[in-house]
Amino acid sequence: MNSVKQRMPRLLDWLDEREPDVVCLQETKLADDAFTTLLGKELAGRAYETALYGEVQWNGVALLSKVGIEDVVTGVAGAPGFPNPEARAVAATCGGIRIHSLYVPNGRAPDSDHYVYKLAWLKALRDVVAAGPAEQIVCGDMNIAPADADVFDPAAFVGSTHVTAPEREALAALLATGLHDVVRDRWPTERVFSYWDYRAGMFHQDLGMRIDLVLASDPVAERVKAAWIDRKARKGTGPSDHAPVIIDLDVAPDGDIGPVVPPPSNPRGARKRTTKLPQNR
């Protein structure tokens, strides 16, 4: 969301357009009481129950559900803080599926204290998921691109977080609990991004990353009928820098569309010169 307060009109319009049964939000940047004051009536009027774990200014996650919310747990058991616990995870059972809405620590810089924190946090998450029920979805802003194909130019990310071997190994360990990266499974060779920096025209050139993931256990993955990035939600005035990832189970109202809807009209192809990240220019 990059602030639910800033995106409130867009969020409500998106809910009305897509009508999802379950919504996982990250980086809400609102304490729970403020979230309820801002959105409680609007969400209730759309038949959503909520499970919240927020902070006054940073982080924050939420689950919205039309199919029930049971056994809510905030945080990740055994995970470290930085130095105190941060609002980065909320889990609940919705429609019989255990769903985790996650905002994984960024890591900031390889070998920094925050990077060490990120890896330890992911290890604790892996242990929680491994002990969970058969039907699970683990999703959100994972702050890891699973492979080089998930960034616009691997050379541009050398020395940066999100692509290092230890981060990808931590994600692989999570997947090894029996989860499937459902978007990549659906679109194994396609160019698919979910995040584009606000700066330097990165979105319009399709210079992005795929770091927002939906990971599903076997029984849930078998029910996937469509898996795609709602790029339309990243367009226009005042969007988040991330786009929603949409997964349809059992029935796909819009058909088996994707991987990115609508597709970028002017993507930058491969070039001999590496494109630098905006922060490195």
C-alpha atoms as a PDB file:
ATOM      1  CA  MET A   1       0.000   0.000   0.000  1.00  0.00           C
ATOM      2  CA  ASN A   2       2.808   2.382   0.891  1.00  0.00           C
ATOM      3  CA  SER A   3       0.288   4.044   3.285  1.00  0.00           C
ATOM      4  CA  VAL A   4      -3.355   2.972   3.264  1.00  0.00           C
ATOM      5  CA  LYS A   5      -4.321   6.512   4.242  1.00  0.00           C
ATOM      6  CA  GLN A   6      -2.764   7.869   1.063  1.00  0.00           C
ATOM      7  CA  ARG A   7      -4.300   5.116  -1.101  1.00  0.00           C
ATOM      8  CA  MET A   8      -7.751   4.943   0.497  1.00  0.00           C
ATOM      9  CA  PRO A   9      -9.804   6.161  -2.502  1.00  0.00           C
ATOM     10  CA  ARG A  10      -7.855   3.919  -4.869  1.00  0.00           C
ATOM     11  CA  LEU A  11      -8.201   0.940  -2.523  1.00  0.00           C
ATOM     12  CA  LEU A  12     -11.957   1.297  -2.246  1.00  0.00           C
ATOM     13  CA  ASP A  13     -12.342   1.715  -6.006  1.00  0.00           C
ATOM     14  CA  TRP A  14     -10.195  -1.375  -6.550  1.00  0.00           C
ATOM     15  CA  LEU A  15     -12.264  -3.423  -4.091  1.00  0.00           C
ATOM     16  CA  ASP A  16     -15.424  -2.391  -5.928  1.00  0.00           C
ATOM     17  CA  GLU A  17     -13.927  -3.252  -9.303  1.00  0.00           C
ATOM     18  CA  ARG A  18     -12.297  -6.595  -8.497  1.00  0.00           C
ATOM     19  CA  GLU A  19     -14.553  -7.762  -5.618  1.00  0.00           C
ATOM     20  CA  PRO A  20     -11.947 -10.102  -4.082  1.00  0.00           C
ATOM     21  CA  ASP A  21     -13.033 -12.522  -1.362  1.00  0.00           C
ATOM     22  CA  VAL A  22      -9.786 -12.133   0.601  1.00  0.00           C
ATOM     23  CA  VAL A  23      -7.326  -9.233   0.482  1.00  0.00           C
ATOM     24  CA  CYS A  24      -3.843  -9.119   2.005  1.00  0.00           C
ATOM     25  CA  LEU A  25      -2.435  -5.633   2.563  1.00  0.00           C
ATOM     26  CA  GLN A  26       1.119  -4.660   3.461  1.00  0.00           C
ATOM     27  CA  GLU A  27       2.799  -1.428   4.538  1.00  0.00           C
ATOM     28  CA  THR A  28      -0.458   0.063   5.794  1.00  0.00           C
ATOM     29  CA  LYS A  29       1.429   2.527   8.040  1.00  0.00           C
ATOM     30  CA  LEU A  30      -1.510   2.866  10.433  1.00  0.00           C
ATOM     31  CA  ALA A  31      -2.163   1.751  13.991  1.00  0.00           C
ATOM     32  CA  ASP A  32      -5.124  -0.612  14.300  1.00  0.00           C
ATOM     33  CA  ASP A  33      -7.509   1.940  15.824  1.00  0.00           C
ATOM     34  CA  ALA A  34      -6.647   4.498  13.143  1.00  0.00           C
ATOM     35  CA  PHE A  35      -7.178   1.886  10.416  1.00  0.00           C
ATOM     36  CA  THR A  36     -10.599   1.037  11.836  1.00  0.00           C
ATOM     37  CA  THR A  37     -11.559   4.697  12.121  1.00  0.00           C
ATOM     38  CA  LEU A  38     -10.499   5.373   8.548  1.00  0.00           C
ATOM     39  CA  LEU A  39     -11.849   2.262   6.819  1.00  0.00           C
ATOM     40  CA  GLY A  40     -14.012   0.293   9.233  1.00  0.00           C
ATOM     41  CA  LYS A  41     -17.407   1.457   7.967  1.00  0.00           C
ATOM     42  CA  GLU A  42     -16.374   1.345   4.323  1.00  0.00           C
ATOM     43  CA  LEU A  43     -15.114  -2.222   4.639  1.00  0.00           C
ATOM     44  CA  ALA A  44     -18.064  -3.413   6.704  1.00  0.00           C
ATOM     45  CA  GLY A  45     -20.376  -1.965   4.067  1.00  0.00           C
ATOM     46  CA  ARG A  46     -18.603  -4.197   1.547  1.00  0.00           C
ATOM     47  CA  ALA A  47     -19.018  -7.247   3.825  1.00  0.00           C
ATOM     48  CA  TYR A  48     -15.354  -7.468   4.863  1.00  0.00           C
ATOM     49  CA  GLU A  49     -14.161  -8.616   8.259  1.00  0.00           C
ATOM     50  CA  THR A  50     -10.650  -7.515   9.200  1.00  0.00           C
ATOM     51  CA  ALA A  51      -7.582  -8.772  11.024  1.00  0.00           C
ATOM     52  CA  LEU A  52      -5.068  -6.004  11.675  1.00  0.00           C
ATOM     53  CA  TYR A  53      -1.527  -5.589  12.933  1.00  0.00           C
ATOM     54  CA  GLY A  54      -0.343  -2.035  12.513  1.00  0.00           C
ATOM     55  CA  GLU A  55       1.987   0.660  13.750  1.00  0.00           C
ATOM     56  CA  VAL A  56       1.628   4.427  13.960  1.00  0.00           C
ATOM     57  CA  GLN A  57       4.028   5.314  11.129  1.00  0.00           C
ATOM     58  CA  TRP A  58       5.768   2.273   9.647  1.00  0.00           C
ATOM     59  CA  ASN A  59       5.126  -1.263   8.447  1.00  0.00           C
ATOM     60  CA  GLY A  60       1.640  -2.634   9.120  1.00  0.00           C
ATOM     61  CA  VAL A  61      -0.304  -5.559   7.627  1.00  0.00           C
ATOM     62  CA  ALA A  62      -3.961  -6.451   7.311  1.00  0.00           C
ATOM     63  CA  LEU A  63      -6.311  -9.193   6.146  1.00  0.00           C
ATOM     64  CA  LEU A  64      -9.752  -8.413   4.736  1.00  0.00           C
ATOM     65  CA  SER A  65     -12.156 -11.303   4.217  1.00  0.00           C
ATOM     66  CA  LYS A  66     -15.698 -11.950   3.018  1.00  0.00           C
ATOM     67  CA  VAL A  67     -15.389 -15.651   3.828  1.00  0.00           C
ATOM     68  CA  GLY A  68     -14.687 -15.411   7.558  1.00  0.00           C
ATOM     69  CA  ILE A  69     -11.646 -14.704   9.731  1.00  0.00           C
ATOM     70  CA  GLU A  70     -10.767 -17.196  12.458  1.00  0.00           C
ATOM     71  CA  ASP A  71      -7.768 -17.926  14.699  1.00  0.00           C
ATOM     72  CA  VAL A  72      -6.015 -14.607  14.108  1.00  0.00           C
ATOM     73  CA  VAL A  73      -2.312 -14.496  14.988  1.00  0.00           C
ATOM     74  CA  THR A  74      -0.171 -11.388  14.756  1.00  0.00           C
ATOM     75  CA  GLY A  75       3.579 -11.540  14.294  1.00  0.00           C
ATOM     76  CA  VAL A  76       5.762 -14.575  13.626  1.00  0.00           C
ATOM     77  CA  ALA A  77       6.497 -16.847  16.571  1.00  0.00           C
ATOM     78  CA  GLY A  78      10.204 -16.902  17.345  1.00  0.00           C
ATOM     79  CA  ALA A  79      11.060 -14.040  14.990  1.00  0.00           C
ATOM     80  CA  PRO A  80      13.455 -11.337  16.215  1.00  0.00           C
ATOM     81  CA  GLY A  81      12.601  -7.655  16.439  1.00  0.00           C
ATOM     82  CA  PHE A  82      14.634  -4.691  15.296  1.00  0.00           C
ATOM     83  CA  PRO A  83      15.144  -4.286  18.175  1.00  0.00           C
ATOM     84  CA  ASN A  84      11.461  -4.469  19.122  1.00  0.00           C
ATOM     85  CA  PRO A  85       8.810  -6.576  17.375  1.00  0.00           C
ATOM     86  CA  GLU A  86       7.517  -4.964  14.171  1.00  0.00           C
ATOM     87  CA  ALA A  87       4.060  -5.201  12.571  1.00  0.00           C
ATOM     88  CA  ARG A  88       5.033  -7.426   9.650  1.00  0.00           C
ATOM     89  CA  ALA A  89       2.756 -10.463   9.754  1.00  0.00           C
ATOM     90  CA  VAL A  90      -0.853 -11.354  10.393  1.00  0.00           C
ATOM     91  CA  ALA A  91      -2.375 -14.784   9.809  1.00  0.00           C
ATOM     92  CA  ALA A  92      -5.919 -16.088   9.933  1.00  0.00           C
ATOM     93  CA  THR A  93      -8.054 -18.898   8.586  1.00  0.00           C
ATOM     94  CA  CYS A  94     -10.343 -17.631   5.832  1.00  0.00           C
ATOM     95  CA  GLY A  95     -12.686 -19.994   4.013  1.00  0.00           C
ATOM     96  CA  GLY A  96     -10.779 -22.977   5.382  1.00  0.00           C
ATOM     97  CA  ILE A  97      -7.340 -21.779   4.211  1.00  0.00           C
ATOM     98  CA  ARG A  98      -4.642 -20.517   6.566  1.00  0.00           C
ATOM     99  CA  ILE A  99      -3.535 -17.206   5.036  1.00  0.00           C
ATOM    100  CA  HIS A 100      -0.436 -15.214   6.006  1.00  0.00           C
ATOM    101  CA  SER A 101      -0.174 -11.544   4.991  1.00  0.00           C
ATOM    102  CA  LEU A 102       3.511 -10.606   5.189  1.00  0.00           C
ATOM    103  CA  TYR A 103       5.733  -7.566   4.893  1.00  0.00           C
ATOM    104  CA  VAL A 104       9.193  -9.114   4.993  1.00  0.00           C
ATOM    105  CA  PRO A 105      12.022  -6.854   6.251  1.00  0.00           C
ATOM    106  CA  ASN A 106      13.815  -5.043   3.424  1.00  0.00           C
ATOM    107  CA  GLY A 107      17.353  -5.910   4.494  1.00  0.00           C
ATOM    108  CA  ARG A 108      18.661  -2.455   3.452  1.00  0.00           C
ATOM    109  CA  ALA A 109      22.200  -3.528   2.546  1.00  0.00           C
ATOM    110  CA  PRO A 110      23.935  -6.918   2.422  1.00  0.00           C
ATOM    111  CA  ASP A 111      25.630  -7.800   5.703  1.00  0.00           C
ATOM    112  CA  SER A 112      23.939  -4.924   7.556  1.00  0.00           C
ATOM    113  CA  ASP A 113      22.182  -5.529  10.874  1.00  0.00           C
ATOM    114  CA  HIS A 114      18.856  -5.242   9.044  1.00  0.00           C
ATOM    115  CA  TYR A 115      19.947  -7.882   6.531  1.00  0.00           C
ATOM    116  CA  VAL A 116      20.824 -10.289   9.362  1.00  0.00           C
ATOM    117  CA  TYR A 117      17.438  -9.494  10.916  1.00  0.00           C
ATOM    118  CA  LYS A 118      15.706 -10.257   7.598  1.00  0.00           C
ATOM    119  CA  LEU A 119      17.303 -13.700   7.313  1.00  0.00           C
ATOM    120  CA  ALA A 120      16.503 -14.597  10.926  1.00  0.00           C
ATOM    121  CA  TRP A 121      12.910 -13.390  10.464  1.00  0.00           C
ATOM    122  CA  LEU A 122      12.518 -15.574   7.372  1.00  0.00           C
ATOM    123  CA  LYS A 123      13.877 -18.613   9.210  1.00  0.00           C
ATOM    124  CA  ALA A 124      11.274 -18.150  11.945  1.00  0.00           C
ATOM    125  CA  LEU A 125       8.570 -17.774   9.286  1.00  0.00           C
ATOM    126  CA  ARG A 126       9.689 -20.992   7.652  1.00  0.00           C
ATOM    127  CA  ASP A 127       9.324 -22.835  10.962  1.00  0.00           C
ATOM    128  CA  VAL A 128       5.810 -21.441  11.493  1.00  0.00           C
ATOM    129  CA  VAL A 129       4.675 -22.423   8.006  1.00  0.00           C
ATOM    130  CA  ALA A 130       6.228 -25.889   8.304  1.00  0.00           C
ATOM    131  CA  ALA A 131       4.147 -26.487  11.433  1.00  0.00           C
ATOM    132  CA  GLY A 132       0.961 -25.164   9.826  1.00  0.00           C
ATOM    133  CA  PRO A 133      -2.036 -26.935   8.299  1.00  0.00           C
ATOM    134  CA  ALA A 134      -2.143 -28.566   4.877  1.00  0.00           C
ATOM    135  CA  GLU A 135      -4.033 -25.714   3.209  1.00  0.00           C
ATOM    136  CA  GLN A 136      -1.989 -22.504   3.379  1.00  0.00           C
ATOM    137  CA  ILE A 137      -1.276 -19.339   1.419  1.00  0.00           C
ATOM    138  CA  VAL A 138       1.801 -17.309   2.300  1.00  0.00           C
ATOM    139  CA  CYS A 139       1.770 -14.002   0.489  1.00  0.00           C
ATOM    140  CA  GLY A 140       2.762 -10.367   0.453  1.00  0.00           C
ATOM    141  CA  ASP A 141       5.741  -8.125  -0.108  1.00  0.00           C
ATOM    142  CA  MET A 142       8.509 -10.673   0.283  1.00  0.00           C
ATOM    143  CA  ASN A 143      11.297  -8.227  -0.634  1.00  0.00           C
ATOM    144  CA  ILE A 144      13.059 -11.023  -2.527  1.00  0.00           C
ATOM    145  CA  ALA A 145      13.175 -11.599  -6.275  1.00  0.00           C
ATOM    146  CA  PRO A 146      13.231 -15.410  -6.521  1.00  0.00           C
ATOM    147  CA  ALA A 147      15.470 -15.545  -9.607  1.00  0.00           C
ATOM    148  CA  ASP A 148      17.320 -13.331 -12.067  1.00  0.00           C
ATOM    149  CA  ALA A 149      14.293 -13.533 -14.370  1.00  0.00           C
ATOM    150  CA  ASP A 150      12.357 -11.629 -11.719  1.00  0.00           C
ATOM    151  CA  VAL A 151      14.335  -8.384 -12.140  1.00  0.00           C
ATOM    152  CA  PHE A 152      14.675  -6.241 -15.241  1.00  0.00           C
ATOM    153  CA  ASP A 153      18.483  -6.462 -15.332  1.00  0.00           C
ATOM    154  CA  PRO A 154      20.425  -8.687 -12.913  1.00  0.00           C
ATOM    155  CA  ALA A 155      23.590  -6.646 -13.448  1.00  0.00           C
ATOM    156  CA  ALA A 156      21.849  -3.541 -12.113  1.00  0.00           C
ATOM    157  CA  PHE A 157      21.277  -5.266  -8.750  1.00  0.00           C
ATOM    158  CA  VAL A 158      24.802  -6.481  -8.065  1.00  0.00           C
ATOM    159  CA  GLY A 159      25.660  -5.484  -4.504  1.00  0.00           C
ATOM    160  CA  SER A 160      22.007  -4.864  -3.577  1.00  0.00           C
ATOM    161  CA  THR A 161      19.573  -6.727  -1.393  1.00  0.00           C
ATOM    162  CA  HIS A 162      16.570  -8.671  -2.712  1.00  0.00           C
ATOM    163  CA  VAL A 163      18.745 -10.788  -5.037  1.00  0.00           C
ATOM    164  CA  THR A 164      21.547 -12.169  -2.867  1.00  0.00           C
ATOM    165  CA  ALA A 165      22.142 -15.882  -2.513  1.00  0.00           C
ATOM    166  CA  PRO A 166      21.288 -16.030   1.235  1.00  0.00           C
ATOM    167  CA  GLU A 167      17.946 -14.271   0.636  1.00  0.00           C
ATOM    168  CA  ARG A 168      17.042 -16.587  -2.212  1.00  0.00           C
ATOM    169  CA  GLU A 169      18.118 -19.590  -0.150  1.00  0.00           C
ATOM    170  CA  ALA A 170      15.843 -18.432   2.666  1.00  0.00           C
ATOM    171  CA  LEU A 171      12.952 -18.151   0.206  1.00  0.00           C
ATOM    172  CA  ALA A 172      13.794 -21.586  -1.213  1.00  0.00           C
ATOM    173  CA  ALA A 173      13.687 -23.023   2.315  1.00  0.00           C
ATOM    174  CA  LEU A 174      10.220 -21.545   2.737  1.00  0.00           C
ATOM    175  CA  LEU A 175       9.086 -23.052  -0.567  1.00  0.00           C
ATOM    176  CA  ALA A 176      10.561 -26.389   0.511  1.00  0.00           C
ATOM    177  CA  THR A 177       7.880 -26.660   3.192  1.00  0.00           C
ATOM    178  CA  GLY A 178       5.546 -27.588   0.315  1.00  0.00           C
ATOM    179  CA  LEU A 179       4.641 -24.231  -1.191  1.00  0.00           C
ATOM    180  CA  HIS A 180       4.365 -23.233  -4.851  1.00  0.00           C
ATOM    181  CA  ASP A 181       5.091 -19.830  -6.378  1.00  0.00           C
ATOM    182  CA  VAL A 182       1.776 -19.831  -8.218  1.00  0.00           C
ATOM    183  CA  VAL A 183       2.409 -16.879 -10.560  1.00  0.00           C
ATOM    184  CA  ARG A 184       5.719 -18.268 -11.771  1.00  0.00           C
ATOM    185  CA  ASP A 185       4.242 -21.763 -12.022  1.00  0.00           C
ATOM    186  CA  ARG A 186       1.489 -20.331 -14.229  1.00  0.00           C
ATOM    187  CA  TRP A 187       3.861 -18.202 -16.320  1.00  0.00           C
ATOM    188  CA  PRO A 188       7.262 -19.936 -16.222  1.00  0.00           C
ATOM    189  CA  THR A 189       8.973 -17.949 -18.988  1.00  0.00           C
ATOM    190  CA  GLU A 190       7.112 -14.623 -19.069  1.00  0.00           C
ATOM    191  CA  ARG A 191       8.385 -11.187 -18.035  1.00  0.00           C
ATOM    192  CA  VAL A 192       6.418 -10.514 -14.841  1.00  0.00           C
ATOM    193  CA  PHE A 193       6.996  -7.668 -12.382  1.00  0.00           C
ATOM    194  CA  SER A 194       4.954  -6.411  -9.427  1.00  0.00           C
ATOM    195  CA  TYR A 195       7.071  -3.448  -8.248  1.00  0.00           C
ATOM    196  CA  TRP A 196       8.462  -0.448 -10.101  1.00  0.00           C
ATOM    197  CA  ASP A 197      10.387   2.407  -8.494  1.00  0.00           C
ATOM    198  CA  TYR A 198       8.581   5.755  -8.665  1.00  0.00           C
ATOM    199  CA  ARG A 199      11.679   7.433 -10.071  1.00  0.00           C
ATOM    200  CA  ALA A 200      13.235   7.716 -13.508  1.00  0.00           C
ATOM    201  CA  GLY A 201      10.222   6.474 -15.451  1.00  0.00           C
ATOM    202  CA  MET A 202      10.820   2.913 -14.299  1.00  0.00           C
ATOM    203  CA  PHE A 203       7.141   1.940 -14.483  1.00  0.00           C
ATOM    204  CA  HIS A 204       6.579   3.228 -18.014  1.00  0.00           C
ATOM    205  CA  GLN A 205       9.694   1.419 -19.238  1.00  0.00           C
ATOM    206  CA  ASP A 206       8.693  -1.739 -17.347  1.00  0.00           C
ATOM    207  CA  LEU A 207      11.944  -1.752 -15.378  1.00  0.00           C
ATOM    208  CA  GLY A 208      10.668  -3.582 -12.353  1.00  0.00           C
ATOM    209  CA  MET A 209      10.982  -6.508  -9.987  1.00  0.00           C
ATOM    210  CA  ARG A 210       8.757  -9.393  -8.960  1.00  0.00           C
ATOM    211  CA  ILE A 211       8.945  -9.300  -5.180  1.00  0.00           C
ATOM    212  CA  ASP A 212       5.241  -9.605  -4.287  1.00  0.00           C
ATOM    213  CA  LEU A 213       4.539 -13.314  -4.151  1.00  0.00           C
ATOM    214  CA  VAL A 214       1.689 -15.710  -3.505  1.00  0.00           C
ATOM    215  CA  LEU A 215       2.954 -19.064  -2.256  1.00  0.00           C
ATOM    216  CA  ALA A 216       0.388 -21.832  -1.914  1.00  0.00           C
ATOM    217  CA  SER A 217       0.488 -25.347  -0.507  1.00  0.00           C
ATOM    218  CA  ASP A 218      -0.327 -28.325  -2.729  1.00  0.00           C
ATOM    219  CA  PRO A 219      -4.090 -28.536  -2.046  1.00  0.00           C
ATOM    220  CA  VAL A 220      -4.515 -24.814  -2.690  1.00  0.00           C
ATOM    221  CA  ALA A 221      -2.182 -24.612  -5.692  1.00  0.00           C
ATOM    222  CA  GLU A 222      -4.187 -27.363  -7.369  1.00  0.00           C
ATOM    223  CA  ARG A 223      -7.240 -25.088  -7.234  1.00  0.00           C
ATOM    224  CA  VAL A 224      -5.600 -22.117  -8.983  1.00  0.00           C
ATOM    225  CA  LYS A 225      -7.420 -21.161 -12.176  1.00  0.00           C
ATOM    226  CA  ALA A 226      -5.715 -17.802 -12.792  1.00  0.00           C
ATOM    227  CA  ALA A 227      -2.692 -15.966 -11.397  1.00  0.00           C
ATOM    228  CA  TRP A 228      -1.809 -12.481 -12.580  1.00  0.00           C
ATOM    229  CA  ILE A 229      -0.532  -8.992 -11.782  1.00  0.00           C
ATOM    230  CA  ASP A 230      -3.130  -6.210 -11.814  1.00  0.00           C
ATOM    231  CA  ARG A 231      -0.891  -3.626 -13.470  1.00  0.00           C
ATOM    232  CA  LYS A 232      -3.875  -1.318 -14.018  1.00  0.00           C
ATOM    233  CA  ALA A 233      -3.854  -0.620 -10.271  1.00  0.00           C
ATOM    234  CA  ARG A 234      -0.306   0.767 -10.590  1.00  0.00           C
ATOM    235  CA  LYS A 235      -1.344   3.320 -13.236  1.00  0.00           C
ATOM    236  CA  GLY A 236      -2.880   6.768 -12.873  1.00  0.00           C
ATOM    237  CA  THR A 237      -2.529   9.368 -10.127  1.00  0.00           C
ATOM    238  CA  GLY A 238      -1.155   8.534  -6.686  1.00  0.00           C
ATOM    239  CA  PRO A 239      -0.648   4.771  -6.926  1.00  0.00           C
ATOM    240  CA  SER A 240       1.462   2.563  -4.711  1.00  0.00           C
ATOM    241  CA  ASP A 241       4.773   1.508  -6.213  1.00  0.00           C
ATOM    242  CA  HIS A 242       3.521  -2.096  -6.046  1.00  0.00           C
ATOM    243  CA  ALA A 243       0.705  -3.716  -8.032  1.00  0.00           C
ATOM    244  CA  PRO A 244      -1.734  -6.291  -6.640  1.00  0.00           C
ATOM    245  CA  VAL A 245      -1.181  -9.976  -7.312  1.00  0.00           C
ATOM    246  CA  ILE A 246      -4.509 -11.707  -7.976  1.00  0.00           C
ATOM    247  CA  ILE A 247      -5.127 -15.432  -7.567  1.00  0.00           C
ATOM    248  CA  ASP A 248      -8.423 -17.066  -8.545  1.00  0.00           C
ATOM    249  CA  LEU A 249      -9.293 -20.413  -6.993  1.00  0.00           C
ATOM    250  CA  ASP A 250     -11.809 -22.834  -8.522  1.00  0.00           C
ATOM    251  CA  VAL A 251     -13.317 -20.215 -10.841  1.00  0.00           C
ATOM    252  CA  ALA A 252     -11.600 -17.414 -12.797  1.00  0.00           C
ATOM    253  CA  PRO A 253     -14.198 -14.687 -13.428  1.00  0.00           C
ATOM    254  CA  ASP A 254     -12.015 -12.990 -16.057  1.00  0.00           C
ATOM    255  CA  GLY A 255     -10.647 -16.188 -17.541  1.00  0.00           C
ATOM    256  CA  ASP A 256      -7.078 -17.440 -17.420  1.00  0.00           C
ATOM    257  CA  ILE A 257      -5.626 -13.984 -18.043  1.00  0.00           C
ATOM    258  CA  GLY A 258      -2.142 -12.653 -17.395  1.00  0.00           C
ATOM    259  CA  PRO A 259       0.577 -12.598 -16.573  1.00  0.00           C
ATOM    260  CA  VAL A 260       0.381  -8.774 -16.411  1.00  0.00           C
ATOM    261  CA  VAL A 261      -2.887  -6.933 -17.087  1.00  0.00           C
ATOM    262  CA  PRO A 262      -2.762  -4.740 -19.055  1.00  0.00           C
ATOM    263  CA  PRO A 263       0.655  -5.523 -20.528  1.00  0.00           C
ATOM    264  CA  PRO A 264       3.183  -2.680 -20.684  1.00  0.00           C
ATOM    265  CA  SER A 265       2.972  -0.739 -23.941  1.00  0.00           C
ATOM    266  CA  ASN A 266       6.598   0.384 -24.112  1.00  0.00           C
ATOM    267  CA  PRO A 267       8.849  -2.047 -22.235  1.00  0.00           C
ATOM    268  CA  ARG A 268      12.573  -1.524 -22.507  1.00  0.00           C
ATOM    269  CA  GLY A 269      14.244  -4.549 -23.998  1.00  0.00           C
ATOM    270  CA  ALA A 270      17.739  -5.854 -23.439  1.00  0.00           C
ATOM    271  CA  ARG A 271      20.536  -3.315 -23.901  1.00  0.00           C
ATOM    272  CA  LYS A 272      24.278  -3.599 -24.023  1.00  0.00           C
ATOM    273  CA  ARG A 273      24.625  -1.033 -21.237  1.00  0.00           C
ATOM    274  CA  THR A 274      23.302  -1.908 -17.809  1.00  0.00           C
ATOM    275  CA  THR A 275      20.472   0.288 -16.558  1.00  0.00           C
ATOM    276  CA  LYS A 276      21.427   1.724 -13.177  1.00  0.00           C
ATOM    277  CA  LEU A 277      18.995   1.734 -10.296  1.00  0.00           C
ATOM    278  CA  PRO A 278      17.673   5.239  -9.553  1.00  0.00           C
ATOM    279  CA  GLN A 279      19.290   5.310  -6.105  1.00  0.00           C
ATOM    280  CA  ASN A 280      22.685   4.558  -7.687  1.00  0.00           C
ATOM    281  CA  ARG A 281      22.610   7.312 -10.286  1.00  0.00           C
END
